[in-house]
Amino acid sequence: MNIRDGNIFEAMRLVLPEHRALMAQIQRERMKRKRPMLTEERLEEMQYVLSEAIREGRIVRVTMFTPERDVVLVGRVSARGRELRVRTAAGVHIVDVRDVVGVEMERS
């Protein structure tokens, strides 16, 4: 059975240990999540929720994309340029707006 038939272990005997580490790194890179594509409607909705939250000082739930998993921050927000500052109970977190994939108003 050849490697192209799915038998990767057949070829693994011939791979140097340092190449195995590189192959594992390449495999991890392939497994990373892809950034979701947001529609114009979704972007406008998030912008509206953010502007309302900033104006009224309300608490929001901000979902950020990272290659490993989504990170959710809950707190009050302020904006400066392309950054959001989310004031949570654990402190202030600075978030790039390009990483934001969701914004929801918290129910009081």
N, C-alpha and C. Protein backbone atom coordinates (compact mmCIF):
# COMPACT_ATOMS: atom_id res chain seq x y z
N MET A 1 0.85 -1.17 0.00
CA MET A 1 0.00 0.00 0.00
C MET A 1 0.90 1.24 0.00
N ASN A 2 0.61 2.20 -0.84
CA ASN A 2 1.39 3.42 -0.94
C ASN A 2 0.85 4.49 0.00
N ILE A 3 1.64 5.55 0.21
CA ILE A 3 1.21 6.64 1.07
C ILE A 3 -0.01 7.34 0.50
N ARG A 4 -0.13 7.40 -0.81
CA ARG A 4 -1.29 8.06 -1.40
C ARG A 4 -2.57 7.27 -1.17
N ASP A 5 -2.45 6.02 -0.76
CA ASP A 5 -3.61 5.20 -0.45
C ASP A 5 -4.07 5.38 0.98
N GLY A 6 -3.41 6.27 1.74
CA GLY A 6 -3.84 6.52 3.11
C GLY A 6 -2.98 5.86 4.17
N ASN A 7 -1.98 5.10 3.77
CA ASN A 7 -1.13 4.43 4.75
C ASN A 7 0.06 5.35 5.07
N ILE A 8 -0.17 6.28 5.98
CA ILE A 8 0.90 7.23 6.31
C ILE A 8 2.00 6.57 7.14
N PHE A 9 1.70 5.49 7.81
CA PHE A 9 2.70 4.86 8.67
C PHE A 9 3.78 4.14 7.86
N GLU A 10 3.46 3.76 6.66
CA GLU A 10 4.44 3.12 5.80
C GLU A 10 5.62 4.06 5.53
N ALA A 11 5.31 5.33 5.28
CA ALA A 11 6.36 6.31 4.97
C ALA A 11 7.00 6.88 6.23
N MET A 12 6.36 6.76 7.39
CA MET A 12 6.87 7.36 8.62
C MET A 12 8.19 6.73 9.06
N ARG A 13 8.49 5.53 8.64
CA ARG A 13 9.75 4.90 9.03
C ARG A 13 10.94 5.64 8.43
N LEU A 14 10.73 6.33 7.34
CA LEU A 14 11.82 6.98 6.63
C LEU A 14 11.97 8.46 6.99
N VAL A 15 11.16 8.96 7.90
CA VAL A 15 11.16 10.38 8.24
C VAL A 15 12.07 10.61 9.45
N LEU A 16 12.93 11.60 9.34
CA LEU A 16 13.80 11.96 10.46
C LEU A 16 12.98 12.60 11.58
N PRO A 17 13.42 12.45 12.82
CA PRO A 17 12.66 13.02 13.95
C PRO A 17 12.39 14.52 13.82
N GLU A 18 13.36 15.29 13.34
CA GLU A 18 13.13 16.73 13.19
C GLU A 18 12.09 17.02 12.11
N HIS A 19 11.96 16.14 11.14
CA HIS A 19 10.94 16.31 10.11
C HIS A 19 9.56 15.95 10.65
N ARG A 20 9.52 15.01 11.58
CA ARG A 20 8.24 14.66 12.21
C ARG A 20 7.68 15.84 12.96
N ALA A 21 8.55 16.58 13.67
CA ALA A 21 8.10 17.76 14.40
C ALA A 21 7.54 18.80 13.43
N LEU A 22 8.20 18.99 12.31
CA LEU A 22 7.73 19.93 11.31
C LEU A 22 6.39 19.48 10.72
N MET A 23 6.26 18.19 10.46
CA MET A 23 5.00 17.66 9.94
C MET A 23 3.87 17.85 10.94
N ALA A 24 4.15 17.68 12.23
CA ALA A 24 3.14 17.89 13.26
C ALA A 24 2.73 19.36 13.32
N GLN A 25 3.69 20.26 13.17
CA GLN A 25 3.39 21.69 13.17
C GLN A 25 2.52 22.06 11.97
N ILE A 26 2.83 21.52 10.83
CA ILE A 26 2.03 21.78 9.63
C ILE A 26 0.60 21.27 9.83
N GLN A 27 0.47 20.12 10.44
CA GLN A 27 -0.85 19.55 10.70
C GLN A 27 -1.65 20.44 11.66
N ARG A 28 -0.99 20.99 12.70
CA ARG A 28 -1.67 21.90 13.63
C ARG A 28 -2.12 23.16 12.91
N GLU A 29 -1.32 23.67 12.01
CA GLU A 29 -1.69 24.86 11.24
C GLU A 29 -2.93 24.60 10.39
N ARG A 30 -3.01 23.41 9.82
CA ARG A 30 -4.16 23.07 8.99
C ARG A 30 -5.43 22.92 9.81
N MET A 31 -5.27 22.54 11.08
CA MET A 31 -6.43 22.31 11.94
C MET A 31 -6.99 23.60 12.55
N LYS A 32 -6.29 24.72 12.44
CA LYS A 32 -6.77 25.97 13.02
C LYS A 32 -8.08 26.39 12.37
N ARG A 33 -8.90 27.02 13.18
CA ARG A 33 -10.19 27.47 12.70
C ARG A 33 -10.03 28.66 11.76
N LYS A 34 -10.96 28.80 10.87
CA LYS A 34 -10.96 29.91 9.93
C LYS A 34 -11.86 31.03 10.47
N ARG A 35 -11.47 32.25 10.19
CA ARG A 35 -12.25 33.41 10.62
C ARG A 35 -13.59 33.42 9.87
N PRO A 36 -14.71 33.58 10.59
CA PRO A 36 -16.00 33.61 9.90
C PRO A 36 -16.17 34.89 9.08
N MET A 37 -16.86 34.77 7.97
CA MET A 37 -17.16 35.94 7.14
C MET A 37 -18.50 36.51 7.60
N LEU A 38 -18.50 37.77 8.02
CA LEU A 38 -19.72 38.40 8.52
C LEU A 38 -20.40 39.16 7.39
N THR A 39 -21.71 39.08 7.35
CA THR A 39 -22.48 39.80 6.34
C THR A 39 -22.57 41.28 6.70
N GLU A 40 -22.92 42.10 5.72
CA GLU A 40 -23.10 43.53 5.97
C GLU A 40 -24.18 43.76 7.01
N GLU A 41 -25.25 42.98 6.93
CA GLU A 41 -26.35 43.11 7.88
C GLU A 41 -25.87 42.82 9.30
N ARG A 42 -25.08 41.78 9.45
CA ARG A 42 -24.57 41.42 10.78
C ARG A 42 -23.62 42.49 11.31
N LEU A 43 -22.76 43.04 10.45
CA LEU A 43 -21.85 44.10 10.86
C LEU A 43 -22.62 45.35 11.30
N GLU A 44 -23.67 45.71 10.56
CA GLU A 44 -24.48 46.87 10.92
C GLU A 44 -25.20 46.64 12.25
N GLU A 45 -25.68 45.43 12.47
CA GLU A 45 -26.36 45.10 13.72
C GLU A 45 -25.39 45.23 14.90
N MET A 46 -24.16 44.71 14.74
CA MET A 46 -23.18 44.80 15.81
C MET A 46 -22.81 46.25 16.08
N GLN A 47 -22.68 47.05 15.02
CA GLN A 47 -22.35 48.46 15.17
C GLN A 47 -23.46 49.19 15.93
N TYR A 48 -24.71 48.87 15.63
CA TYR A 48 -25.83 49.50 16.31
C TYR A 48 -25.83 49.14 17.80
N VAL A 49 -25.64 47.86 18.10
CA VAL A 49 -25.63 47.43 19.51
C VAL A 49 -24.48 48.10 20.26
N LEU A 50 -23.31 48.18 19.64
CA LEU A 50 -22.17 48.83 20.29
C LEU A 50 -22.44 50.31 20.53
N SER A 51 -22.99 51.00 19.54
CA SER A 51 -23.24 52.42 19.73
C SER A 51 -24.27 52.67 20.82
N GLU A 52 -25.30 51.84 20.88
CA GLU A 52 -26.29 51.96 21.96
C GLU A 52 -25.67 51.68 23.32
N ALA A 53 -24.84 50.67 23.39
CA ALA A 53 -24.21 50.30 24.67
C ALA A 53 -23.26 51.40 25.14
N ILE A 54 -22.51 52.00 24.22
CA ILE A 54 -21.59 53.06 24.60
C ILE A 54 -22.37 54.29 25.04
N ARG A 55 -23.40 54.63 24.30
CA ARG A 55 -24.20 55.83 24.61
C ARG A 55 -24.92 55.70 25.95
N GLU A 56 -25.49 54.52 26.22
CA GLU A 56 -26.28 54.32 27.42
C GLU A 56 -25.48 53.72 28.57
N GLY A 57 -24.23 53.32 28.32
CA GLY A 57 -23.42 52.72 29.38
C GLY A 57 -23.90 51.35 29.81
N ARG A 58 -24.46 50.61 28.88
CA ARG A 58 -25.01 49.29 29.21
C ARG A 58 -23.95 48.21 29.08
N ILE A 59 -24.22 47.08 29.68
CA ILE A 59 -23.30 45.93 29.65
C ILE A 59 -23.60 45.10 28.40
N VAL A 60 -22.53 44.70 27.71
CA VAL A 60 -22.68 43.87 26.51
C VAL A 60 -21.84 42.61 26.63
N ARG A 61 -22.17 41.66 25.79
CA ARG A 61 -21.41 40.41 25.66
C ARG A 61 -20.71 40.47 24.31
N VAL A 62 -19.36 40.58 24.34
CA VAL A 62 -18.56 40.69 23.13
C VAL A 62 -17.90 39.34 22.86
N THR A 63 -18.12 38.78 21.68
CA THR A 63 -17.52 37.50 21.28
C THR A 63 -16.38 37.80 20.32
N MET A 64 -15.17 37.34 20.67
CA MET A 64 -13.99 37.56 19.84
C MET A 64 -13.55 36.25 19.23
N PHE A 65 -13.06 36.34 18.00
CA PHE A 65 -12.52 35.17 17.31
C PHE A 65 -11.04 35.02 17.64
N THR A 66 -10.63 33.80 17.97
CA THR A 66 -9.22 33.43 18.05
C THR A 66 -9.09 32.11 17.29
N PRO A 67 -7.92 31.79 16.78
CA PRO A 67 -7.78 30.54 16.01
C PRO A 67 -8.12 29.29 16.82
N GLU A 68 -7.97 29.33 18.13
CA GLU A 68 -8.25 28.15 18.94
C GLU A 68 -9.72 28.02 19.33
N ARG A 69 -10.33 29.16 19.76
CA ARG A 69 -11.71 29.13 20.24
C ARG A 69 -12.24 30.56 20.30
N ASP A 70 -13.55 30.70 20.48
CA ASP A 70 -14.13 32.02 20.67
C ASP A 70 -13.97 32.43 22.13
N VAL A 71 -13.70 33.70 22.36
CA VAL A 71 -13.55 34.25 23.71
C VAL A 71 -14.69 35.23 23.92
N VAL A 72 -15.38 35.10 25.06
CA VAL A 72 -16.51 35.97 25.36
C VAL A 72 -16.15 36.86 26.55
N LEU A 73 -16.34 38.16 26.36
CA LEU A 73 -16.11 39.14 27.43
C LEU A 73 -17.43 39.82 27.72
N VAL A 74 -17.74 39.99 29.01
CA VAL A 74 -18.97 40.66 29.41
C VAL A 74 -18.60 41.88 30.23
N GLY A 75 -19.06 43.05 29.78
CA GLY A 75 -18.76 44.27 30.51
C GLY A 75 -19.21 45.50 29.73
N ARG A 76 -18.81 46.65 30.24
CA ARG A 76 -19.11 47.92 29.57
C ARG A 76 -18.02 48.20 28.54
N VAL A 77 -18.40 48.82 27.44
CA VAL A 77 -17.44 49.06 26.35
C VAL A 77 -17.27 50.55 26.09
N SER A 78 -16.09 50.86 25.58
CA SER A 78 -15.81 52.18 25.01
C SER A 78 -14.96 51.93 23.78
N ALA A 79 -14.97 52.88 22.86
CA ALA A 79 -14.26 52.69 21.60
C ALA A 79 -13.23 53.79 21.41
N ARG A 80 -12.11 53.42 20.82
CA ARG A 80 -11.06 54.37 20.45
C ARG A 80 -10.42 53.85 19.17
N GLY A 81 -10.71 54.52 18.07
CA GLY A 81 -10.17 54.08 16.79
C GLY A 81 -10.68 52.70 16.43
N ARG A 82 -9.76 51.78 16.17
CA ARG A 82 -10.12 50.41 15.81
C ARG A 82 -10.03 49.48 17.01
N GLU A 83 -10.12 50.05 18.23
CA GLU A 83 -10.04 49.25 19.44
C GLU A 83 -11.31 49.40 20.25
N LEU A 84 -11.69 48.30 20.88
CA LEU A 84 -12.75 48.33 21.88
C LEU A 84 -12.11 48.06 23.23
N ARG A 85 -12.51 48.83 24.21
CA ARG A 85 -12.05 48.57 25.56
C ARG A 85 -13.24 48.01 26.32
N VAL A 86 -13.09 46.77 26.79
CA VAL A 86 -14.17 46.09 27.50
C VAL A 86 -13.77 46.04 28.97
N ARG A 87 -14.55 46.73 29.80
CA ARG A 87 -14.29 46.78 31.23
C ARG A 87 -15.09 45.66 31.90
N THR A 88 -14.39 44.60 32.32
CA THR A 88 -15.04 43.46 32.96
C THR A 88 -14.69 43.46 34.45
N ALA A 89 -15.20 42.48 35.16
CA ALA A 89 -14.88 42.35 36.58
C ALA A 89 -13.40 42.02 36.78
N ALA A 90 -12.77 41.40 35.78
CA ALA A 90 -11.36 41.01 35.87
C ALA A 90 -10.42 42.11 35.42
N GLY A 91 -10.93 43.22 34.90
CA GLY A 91 -10.08 44.30 34.43
C GLY A 91 -10.49 44.77 33.05
N VAL A 92 -9.65 45.60 32.46
CA VAL A 92 -9.93 46.16 31.14
C VAL A 92 -9.22 45.33 30.08
N HIS A 93 -9.97 44.93 29.05
CA HIS A 93 -9.42 44.17 27.93
C HIS A 93 -9.51 45.03 26.68
N ILE A 94 -8.42 45.11 25.93
CA ILE A 94 -8.41 45.85 24.67
C ILE A 94 -8.56 44.86 23.52
N VAL A 95 -9.56 45.09 22.69
CA VAL A 95 -9.92 44.17 21.61
C VAL A 95 -9.86 44.90 20.29
N ASP A 96 -9.24 44.30 19.29
CA ASP A 96 -9.25 44.84 17.93
C ASP A 96 -10.63 44.56 17.34
N VAL A 97 -11.25 45.57 16.75
CA VAL A 97 -12.61 45.38 16.22
C VAL A 97 -12.67 44.34 15.12
N ARG A 98 -11.55 44.08 14.45
CA ARG A 98 -11.55 43.05 13.40
C ARG A 98 -11.70 41.65 13.97
N ASP A 99 -11.44 41.48 15.27
CA ASP A 99 -11.57 40.17 15.91
C ASP A 99 -12.97 39.93 16.48
N VAL A 100 -13.81 40.95 16.49
CA VAL A 100 -15.15 40.83 17.07
C VAL A 100 -16.06 40.14 16.07
N VAL A 101 -16.71 39.06 16.52
CA VAL A 101 -17.64 38.33 15.65
C VAL A 101 -19.06 38.37 16.18
N GLY A 102 -19.25 38.94 17.37
CA GLY A 102 -20.59 39.04 17.92
C GLY A 102 -20.67 40.03 19.06
N VAL A 103 -21.77 40.78 19.10
CA VAL A 103 -22.03 41.72 20.19
C VAL A 103 -23.51 41.61 20.54
N GLU A 104 -23.78 41.39 21.81
CA GLU A 104 -25.17 41.28 22.26
C GLU A 104 -25.34 42.10 23.53
N MET A 105 -26.49 42.74 23.68
CA MET A 105 -26.82 43.46 24.89
C MET A 105 -27.13 42.46 25.99
N GLU A 106 -26.58 42.68 27.16
CA GLU A 106 -26.89 41.81 28.31
C GLU A 106 -28.23 42.22 28.88
N ARG A 107 -28.99 41.27 29.30
CA ARG A 107 -30.29 41.56 29.90
C ARG A 107 -30.07 41.95 31.36
N SER A 108 -30.73 43.02 31.74
CA SER A 108 -30.55 43.50 33.11
C SER A 108 -31.60 42.96 34.04
